[in-house]
Amino acid sequence: MSVPNLEILTNDPTRCGHAASVGPVSEDELFYLQSRGIPRDEAERLIVFGFFNEVLERAAWSGMTESLAEAIEAKVQKK
């Protein structure tokens, strides 16, 4: 999973950099959901969609939200 991070190095918005970290879904988060009766596959799906939900809500183009959600779902199921 990628966690975006934007670091602006000056007051000039044309000069900024960004970084992201990539890694698997947190075992602690999976354990938390599984300890509440949610199967591992569904827990992973919930975590991934929770992460992307803010992005999906901002997709203002017609049909874009559904297309992105379907692509994410396909990727999660493929593992």
PDB file of N, CA and C in Angstrom:
ATOM      1  N   MET A   1       0.848  -1.161   0.000  1.00  0.00           N
ATOM      2  CA  MET A   1       0.000   0.000   0.000  1.00  0.00           C
ATOM      3  C   MET A   1       0.895   1.225   0.000  1.00  0.00           C
ATOM      4  N   SER A   2       0.565   2.238  -0.740  1.00  0.00           N
ATOM      5  CA  SER A   2       1.329   3.470  -0.806  1.00  0.00           C
ATOM      6  C   SER A   2       0.674   4.510   0.082  1.00  0.00           C
ATOM      7  N   VAL A   3       1.481   5.197   0.863  1.00  0.00           N
ATOM      8  CA  VAL A   3       0.981   6.268   1.716  1.00  0.00           C
ATOM      9  C   VAL A   3       1.595   7.563   1.205  1.00  0.00           C
ATOM     10  N   PRO A   4       0.816   8.376   0.470  1.00  0.00           N
ATOM     11  CA  PRO A   4       1.377   9.597  -0.109  1.00  0.00           C
ATOM     12  C   PRO A   4       1.778  10.606   0.955  1.00  0.00           C
ATOM     13  N   ASN A   5       2.834  11.341   0.657  1.00  0.00           N
ATOM     14  CA  ASN A   5       3.320  12.378   1.547  1.00  0.00           C
ATOM     15  C   ASN A   5       3.862  13.494   0.672  1.00  0.00           C
ATOM     16  N   LEU A   6       3.364  14.704   0.840  1.00  0.00           N
ATOM     17  CA  LEU A   6       3.830  15.840   0.052  1.00  0.00           C
ATOM     18  C   LEU A   6       4.591  16.768   0.980  1.00  0.00           C
ATOM     19  N   GLU A   7       5.848  17.040   0.625  1.00  0.00           N
ATOM     20  CA  GLU A   7       6.683  17.929   1.417  1.00  0.00           C
ATOM     21  C   GLU A   7       7.012  19.137   0.558  1.00  0.00           C
ATOM     22  N   ILE A   8       6.527  20.314   0.935  1.00  0.00           N
ATOM     23  CA  ILE A   8       6.788  21.544   0.195  1.00  0.00           C
ATOM     24  C   ILE A   8       7.994  22.209   0.847  1.00  0.00           C
ATOM     25  N   LEU A   9       9.046  22.392   0.064  1.00  0.00           N
ATOM     26  CA  LEU A   9      10.303  22.861   0.614  1.00  0.00           C
ATOM     27  C   LEU A   9      10.437  24.379   0.641  1.00  0.00           C
ATOM     28  N   THR A  10       9.601  25.115  -0.060  1.00  0.00           N
ATOM     29  CA  THR A  10       9.657  26.576  -0.073  1.00  0.00           C
ATOM     30  C   THR A  10       8.239  27.115  -0.118  1.00  0.00           C
ATOM     31  N   ASN A  11       8.120  28.415  -0.058  1.00  0.00           N
ATOM     32  CA  ASN A  11       6.805  29.046  -0.199  1.00  0.00           C
ATOM     33  C   ASN A  11       6.366  29.116  -1.656  1.00  0.00           C
ATOM     34  N   ASP A  12       7.278  28.797  -2.580  1.00  0.00           N
ATOM     35  CA  ASP A  12       6.979  28.817  -4.003  1.00  0.00           C
ATOM     36  C   ASP A  12       6.334  27.485  -4.383  1.00  0.00           C
ATOM     37  N   PRO A  13       5.020  27.463  -4.691  1.00  0.00           N
ATOM     38  CA  PRO A  13       4.339  26.189  -4.957  1.00  0.00           C
ATOM     39  C   PRO A  13       4.841  25.464  -6.201  1.00  0.00           C
ATOM     40  N   THR A  14       5.656  26.138  -7.026  1.00  0.00           N
ATOM     41  CA  THR A  14       6.185  25.446  -8.197  1.00  0.00           C
ATOM     42  C   THR A  14       7.417  24.618  -7.842  1.00  0.00           C
ATOM     43  N   ARG A  15       7.916  24.763  -6.631  1.00  0.00           N
ATOM     44  CA  ARG A  15       9.090  24.005  -6.204  1.00  0.00           C
ATOM     45  C   ARG A  15       8.734  23.146  -5.005  1.00  0.00           C
ATOM     46  N   CYS A  16       8.308  21.952  -5.256  1.00  0.00           N
ATOM     47  CA  CYS A  16       7.999  21.039  -4.170  1.00  0.00           C
ATOM     48  C   CYS A  16       8.345  19.622  -4.604  1.00  0.00           C
ATOM     49  N   GLY A  17       8.451  18.749  -3.638  1.00  0.00           N
ATOM     50  CA  GLY A  17       8.757  17.362  -3.929  1.00  0.00           C
ATOM     51  C   GLY A  17       7.740  16.479  -3.231  1.00  0.00           C
ATOM     52  N   HIS A  18       7.762  15.216  -3.524  1.00  0.00           N
ATOM     53  CA  HIS A  18       6.839  14.310  -2.869  1.00  0.00           C
ATOM     54  C   HIS A  18       7.520  12.963  -2.642  1.00  0.00           C
ATOM     55  N   ALA A  19       6.958  12.216  -1.747  1.00  0.00           N
ATOM     56  CA  ALA A  19       7.476  10.880  -1.454  1.00  0.00           C
ATOM     57  C   ALA A  19       6.301   9.977  -1.119  1.00  0.00           C
ATOM     58  N   ALA A  20       6.514   8.696  -1.228  1.00  0.00           N
ATOM     59  CA  ALA A  20       5.480   7.726  -0.868  1.00  0.00           C
ATOM     60  C   ALA A  20       6.175   6.491  -0.318  1.00  0.00           C
ATOM     61  N   SER A  21       5.518   5.846   0.606  1.00  0.00           N
ATOM     62  CA  SER A  21       6.052   4.576   1.090  1.00  0.00           C
ATOM     63  C   SER A  21       5.114   3.466   0.633  1.00  0.00           C
ATOM     64  N   VAL A  22       5.683   2.317   0.356  1.00  0.00           N
ATOM     65  CA  VAL A  22       4.907   1.201  -0.145  1.00  0.00           C
ATOM     66  C   VAL A  22       5.166  -0.001   0.752  1.00  0.00           C
ATOM     67  N   GLY A  23       4.115  -0.718   1.064  1.00  0.00           N
ATOM     68  CA  GLY A  23       4.274  -1.907   1.884  1.00  0.00           C
ATOM     69  C   GLY A  23       2.973  -2.668   1.960  1.00  0.00           C
ATOM     70  N   PRO A  24       3.009  -3.817   2.597  1.00  0.00           N
ATOM     71  CA  PRO A  24       1.798  -4.622   2.732  1.00  0.00           C
ATOM     72  C   PRO A  24       0.825  -3.999   3.733  1.00  0.00           C
ATOM     73  N   VAL A  25      -0.386  -4.485   3.710  1.00  0.00           N
ATOM     74  CA  VAL A  25      -1.387  -4.049   4.685  1.00  0.00           C
ATOM     75  C   VAL A  25      -0.872  -4.414   6.076  1.00  0.00           C
ATOM     76  N   SER A  26      -1.042  -3.526   7.023  1.00  0.00           N
ATOM     77  CA  SER A  26      -0.552  -3.718   8.380  1.00  0.00           C
ATOM     78  C   SER A  26      -1.153  -4.961   9.036  1.00  0.00           C
ATOM     79  N   GLU A  27      -0.277  -5.811   9.551  1.00  0.00           N
ATOM     80  CA  GLU A  27      -0.741  -7.004  10.255  1.00  0.00           C
ATOM     81  C   GLU A  27      -1.529  -6.622  11.507  1.00  0.00           C
ATOM     82  N   ASP A  28      -1.164  -5.518  12.152  1.00  0.00           N
ATOM     83  CA  ASP A  28      -1.905  -5.059  13.338  1.00  0.00           C
ATOM     84  C   ASP A  28      -3.343  -4.682  12.976  1.00  0.00           C
ATOM     85  N   GLU A  29      -3.508  -3.981  11.847  1.00  0.00           N
ATOM     86  CA  GLU A  29      -4.849  -3.608  11.413  1.00  0.00           C
ATOM     87  C   GLU A  29      -5.661  -4.845  11.040  1.00  0.00           C
ATOM     88  N   LEU A  30      -5.006  -5.784  10.344  1.00  0.00           N
ATOM     89  CA  LEU A  30      -5.692  -7.029   9.991  1.00  0.00           C
ATOM     90  C   LEU A  30      -6.106  -7.796  11.246  1.00  0.00           C
ATOM     91  N   PHE A  31      -5.206  -7.891  12.216  1.00  0.00           N
ATOM     92  CA  PHE A  31      -5.515  -8.598  13.463  1.00  0.00           C
ATOM     93  C   PHE A  31      -6.703  -7.953  14.174  1.00  0.00           C
ATOM     94  N   TYR A  32      -6.706  -6.621  14.233  1.00  0.00           N
ATOM     95  CA  TYR A  32      -7.789  -5.893  14.899  1.00  0.00           C
ATOM     96  C   TYR A  32      -9.137  -6.265  14.285  1.00  0.00           C
ATOM     97  N   LEU A  33      -9.224  -6.234  12.964  1.00  0.00           N
ATOM     98  CA  LEU A  33     -10.491  -6.547  12.297  1.00  0.00           C
ATOM     99  C   LEU A  33     -10.836  -8.028  12.421  1.00  0.00           C
ATOM    100  N   GLN A  34      -9.836  -8.891  12.299  1.00  0.00           N
ATOM    101  CA  GLN A  34     -10.090 -10.323  12.408  1.00  0.00           C
ATOM    102  C   GLN A  34     -10.540 -10.692  13.826  1.00  0.00           C
ATOM    103  N   SER A  35     -10.030 -10.000  14.832  1.00  0.00           N
ATOM    104  CA  SER A  35     -10.427 -10.297  16.212  1.00  0.00           C
ATOM    105  C   SER A  35     -11.879  -9.911  16.473  1.00  0.00           C
ATOM    106  N   ARG A  36     -12.459  -9.179  15.539  1.00  0.00           N
ATOM    107  CA  ARG A  36     -13.865  -8.793  15.635  1.00  0.00           C
ATOM    108  C   ARG A  36     -14.732  -9.600  14.682  1.00  0.00           C
ATOM    109  N   GLY A  37     -14.169 -10.709  14.186  1.00  0.00           N
ATOM    110  CA  GLY A  37     -14.953 -11.644  13.388  1.00  0.00           C
ATOM    111  C   GLY A  37     -14.956 -11.408  11.893  1.00  0.00           C
ATOM    112  N   ILE A  38     -14.138 -10.490  11.417  1.00  0.00           N
ATOM    113  CA  ILE A  38     -14.101 -10.206   9.986  1.00  0.00           C
ATOM    114  C   ILE A  38     -13.033 -11.104   9.350  1.00  0.00           C
ATOM    115  N   PRO A  39     -13.403 -11.891   8.329  1.00  0.00           N
ATOM    116  CA  PRO A  39     -12.416 -12.761   7.663  1.00  0.00           C
ATOM    117  C   PRO A  39     -11.260 -11.944   7.077  1.00  0.00           C
ATOM    118  N   ARG A  40     -10.077 -12.565   7.005  1.00  0.00           N
ATOM    119  CA  ARG A  40      -8.864 -11.858   6.571  1.00  0.00           C
ATOM    120  C   ARG A  40      -9.025 -11.170   5.213  1.00  0.00           C
ATOM    121  N   ASP A  41      -9.586 -11.859   4.218  1.00  0.00           N
ATOM    122  CA  ASP A  41      -9.743 -11.251   2.893  1.00  0.00           C
ATOM    123  C   ASP A  41     -10.625 -10.010   2.940  1.00  0.00           C
ATOM    124  N   GLU A  42     -11.718 -10.089   3.692  1.00  0.00           N
ATOM    125  CA  GLU A  42     -12.616  -8.933   3.812  1.00  0.00           C
ATOM    126  C   GLU A  42     -11.943  -7.815   4.599  1.00  0.00           C
ATOM    127  N   ALA A  43     -11.178  -8.164   5.636  1.00  0.00           N
ATOM    128  CA  ALA A  43     -10.462  -7.159   6.425  1.00  0.00           C
ATOM    129  C   ALA A  43      -9.466  -6.407   5.547  1.00  0.00           C
ATOM    130  N   GLU A  44      -8.744  -7.144   4.720  1.00  0.00           N
ATOM    131  CA  GLU A  44      -7.787  -6.505   3.816  1.00  0.00           C
ATOM    132  C   GLU A  44      -8.494  -5.580   2.838  1.00  0.00           C
ATOM    133  N   ARG A  45      -9.604  -6.038   2.307  1.00  0.00           N
ATOM    134  CA  ARG A  45     -10.398  -5.221   1.376  1.00  0.00           C
ATOM    135  C   ARG A  45     -10.875  -3.939   2.051  1.00  0.00           C
ATOM    136  N   LEU A  46     -11.361  -4.040   3.279  1.00  0.00           N
ATOM    137  CA  LEU A  46     -11.838  -2.865   4.012  1.00  0.00           C
ATOM    138  C   LEU A  46     -10.719  -1.857   4.256  1.00  0.00           C
ATOM    139  N   ILE A  47      -9.541  -2.362   4.607  1.00  0.00           N
ATOM    140  CA  ILE A  47      -8.402  -1.473   4.863  1.00  0.00           C
ATOM    141  C   ILE A  47      -7.994  -0.746   3.583  1.00  0.00           C
ATOM    142  N   VAL A  48      -7.885  -1.486   2.489  1.00  0.00           N
ATOM    143  CA  VAL A  48      -7.471  -0.882   1.225  1.00  0.00           C
ATOM    144  C   VAL A  48      -8.494   0.153   0.761  1.00  0.00           C
ATOM    145  N   PHE A  49      -9.776  -0.201   0.799  1.00  0.00           N
ATOM    146  CA  PHE A  49     -10.796   0.754   0.362  1.00  0.00           C
ATOM    147  C   PHE A  49     -10.902   1.940   1.317  1.00  0.00           C
ATOM    148  N   GLY A  50     -10.655   1.714   2.600  1.00  0.00           N
ATOM    149  CA  GLY A  50     -10.629   2.832   3.546  1.00  0.00           C
ATOM    150  C   GLY A  50      -9.541   3.827   3.194  1.00  0.00           C
ATOM    151  N   PHE A  51      -8.401   3.308   2.761  1.00  0.00           N
ATOM    152  CA  PHE A  51      -7.292   4.163   2.361  1.00  0.00           C
ATOM    153  C   PHE A  51      -7.634   4.962   1.104  1.00  0.00           C
ATOM    154  N   PHE A  52      -8.239   4.304   0.121  1.00  0.00           N
ATOM    155  CA  PHE A  52      -8.541   4.957  -1.147  1.00  0.00           C
ATOM    156  C   PHE A  52      -9.854   5.738  -1.151  1.00  0.00           C
ATOM    157  N   ASN A  53     -10.667   5.591  -0.132  1.00  0.00           N
ATOM    158  CA  ASN A  53     -11.996   6.208  -0.126  1.00  0.00           C
ATOM    159  C   ASN A  53     -11.945   7.723  -0.324  1.00  0.00           C
ATOM    160  N   GLU A  54     -11.006   8.388   0.337  1.00  0.00           N
ATOM    161  CA  GLU A  54     -10.914   9.841   0.194  1.00  0.00           C
ATOM    162  C   GLU A  54     -10.611  10.232  -1.250  1.00  0.00           C
ATOM    163  N   VAL A  55      -9.744   9.480  -1.906  1.00  0.00           N
ATOM    164  CA  VAL A  55      -9.415   9.743  -3.314  1.00  0.00           C
ATOM    165  C   VAL A  55     -10.630   9.483  -4.191  1.00  0.00           C
ATOM    166  N   LEU A  56     -11.311   8.365  -3.945  1.00  0.00           N
ATOM    167  CA  LEU A  56     -12.482   8.017  -4.757  1.00  0.00           C
ATOM    168  C   LEU A  56     -13.582   9.063  -4.613  1.00  0.00           C
ATOM    169  N   GLU A  57     -13.749   9.623  -3.423  1.00  0.00           N
ATOM    170  CA  GLU A  57     -14.780  10.644  -3.218  1.00  0.00           C
ATOM    171  C   GLU A  57     -14.466  11.925  -3.981  1.00  0.00           C
ATOM    172  N   ARG A  58     -13.195  12.185  -4.236  1.00  0.00           N
ATOM    173  CA  ARG A  58     -12.791  13.406  -4.945  1.00  0.00           C
ATOM    174  C   ARG A  58     -12.852  13.268  -6.465  1.00  0.00           C
ATOM    175  N   ALA A  59     -12.993  12.067  -6.964  1.00  0.00           N
ATOM    176  CA  ALA A  59     -13.036  11.849  -8.410  1.00  0.00           C
ATOM    177  C   ALA A  59     -14.330  12.449  -8.953  1.00  0.00           C
ATOM    178  N   ALA A  60     -14.198  13.578  -9.590  1.00  0.00           N
ATOM    179  CA  ALA A  60     -15.371  14.334 -10.028  1.00  0.00           C
ATOM    180  C   ALA A  60     -15.827  13.973 -11.447  1.00  0.00           C
ATOM    181  N   TRP A  61     -15.025  13.191 -12.168  1.00  0.00           N
ATOM    182  CA  TRP A  61     -15.387  12.855 -13.542  1.00  0.00           C
ATOM    183  C   TRP A  61     -16.469  11.795 -13.563  1.00  0.00           C
ATOM    184  N   SER A  62     -17.378  11.921 -14.482  1.00  0.00           N
ATOM    185  CA  SER A  62     -18.488  10.984 -14.604  1.00  0.00           C
ATOM    186  C   SER A  62     -17.980   9.560 -14.810  1.00  0.00           C
ATOM    187  N   GLY A  63     -18.393   8.667 -13.944  1.00  0.00           N
ATOM    188  CA  GLY A  63     -18.018   7.270 -14.054  1.00  0.00           C
ATOM    189  C   GLY A  63     -16.637   6.928 -13.526  1.00  0.00           C
ATOM    190  N   MET A  64     -15.839   7.928 -13.161  1.00  0.00           N
ATOM    191  CA  MET A  64     -14.468   7.678 -12.717  1.00  0.00           C
ATOM    192  C   MET A  64     -14.433   6.934 -11.386  1.00  0.00           C
ATOM    193  N   THR A  65     -15.282   7.303 -10.458  1.00  0.00           N
ATOM    194  CA  THR A  65     -15.286   6.662  -9.148  1.00  0.00           C
ATOM    195  C   THR A  65     -15.539   5.169  -9.281  1.00  0.00           C
ATOM    196  N   GLU A  66     -16.520   4.799 -10.076  1.00  0.00           N
ATOM    197  CA  GLU A  66     -16.847   3.395 -10.269  1.00  0.00           C
ATOM    198  C   GLU A  66     -15.703   2.646 -10.945  1.00  0.00           C
ATOM    199  N   SER A  67     -15.092   3.258 -11.953  1.00  0.00           N
ATOM    200  CA  SER A  67     -13.982   2.621 -12.664  1.00  0.00           C
ATOM    201  C   SER A  67     -12.789   2.396 -11.739  1.00  0.00           C
ATOM    202  N   LEU A  68     -12.469   3.402 -10.938  1.00  0.00           N
ATOM    203  CA  LEU A  68     -11.358   3.260 -10.007  1.00  0.00           C
ATOM    204  C   LEU A  68     -11.653   2.195  -8.951  1.00  0.00           C
ATOM    205  N   ALA A  69     -12.864   2.194  -8.420  1.00  0.00           N
ATOM    206  CA  ALA A  69     -13.243   1.204  -7.409  1.00  0.00           C
ATOM    207  C   ALA A  69     -13.161  -0.212  -7.982  1.00  0.00           C
ATOM    208  N   GLU A  70     -13.590  -0.391  -9.209  1.00  0.00           N
ATOM    209  CA  GLU A  70     -13.519  -1.710  -9.851  1.00  0.00           C
ATOM    210  C   GLU A  70     -12.065  -2.139 -10.060  1.00  0.00           C
ATOM    211  N   ALA A  71     -11.220  -1.212 -10.461  1.00  0.00           N
ATOM    212  CA  ALA A  71      -9.802  -1.529 -10.672  1.00  0.00           C
ATOM    213  C   ALA A  71      -9.128  -1.901  -9.349  1.00  0.00           C
ATOM    214  N   ILE A  72      -9.454  -1.183  -8.297  1.00  0.00           N
ATOM    215  CA  ILE A  72      -8.886  -1.490  -6.972  1.00  0.00           C
ATOM    216  C   ILE A  72      -9.372  -2.841  -6.501  1.00  0.00           C
ATOM    217  N   GLU A  73     -10.661  -3.108  -6.668  1.00  0.00           N
ATOM    218  CA  GLU A  73     -11.236  -4.386  -6.265  1.00  0.00           C
ATOM    219  C   GLU A  73     -10.559  -5.548  -7.011  1.00  0.00           C
ATOM    220  N   ALA A  74     -10.341  -5.384  -8.299  1.00  0.00           N
ATOM    221  CA  ALA A  74      -9.691  -6.435  -9.085  1.00  0.00           C
ATOM    222  C   ALA A  74      -8.275  -6.689  -8.597  1.00  0.00           C
ATOM    223  N   LYS A  75      -7.559  -5.623  -8.262  1.00  0.00           N
ATOM    224  CA  LYS A  75      -6.192  -5.753  -7.763  1.00  0.00           C
ATOM    225  C   LYS A  75      -6.162  -6.432  -6.399  1.00  0.00           C
ATOM    226  N   VAL A  76      -7.084  -6.084  -5.523  1.00  0.00           N
ATOM    227  CA  VAL A  76      -7.137  -6.689  -4.189  1.00  0.00           C
ATOM    228  C   VAL A  76      -7.440  -8.170  -4.300  1.00  0.00           C
ATOM    229  N   GLN A  77      -8.349  -8.544  -5.174  1.00  0.00           N
ATOM    230  CA  GLN A  77      -8.718  -9.943  -5.317  1.00  0.00           C
ATOM    231  C   GLN A  77      -7.592 -10.761  -5.969  1.00  0.00           C
ATOM    232  N   LYS A  78      -6.802 -10.120  -6.819  1.00  0.00           N
ATOM    233  CA  LYS A  78      -5.716 -10.816  -7.519  1.00  0.00           C
ATOM    234  C   LYS A  78      -4.554 -11.110  -6.581  1.00  0.00           C
ATOM    235  N   LYS A  79      -4.257 -10.191  -5.690  1.00  0.00           N
ATOM    236  CA  LYS A  79      -3.106 -10.260  -4.762  1.00  0.00           C
ATOM    237  C   LYS A  79      -1.910 -10.733  -5.498  1.00  0.00           C
TER     238      LYS A  79
END
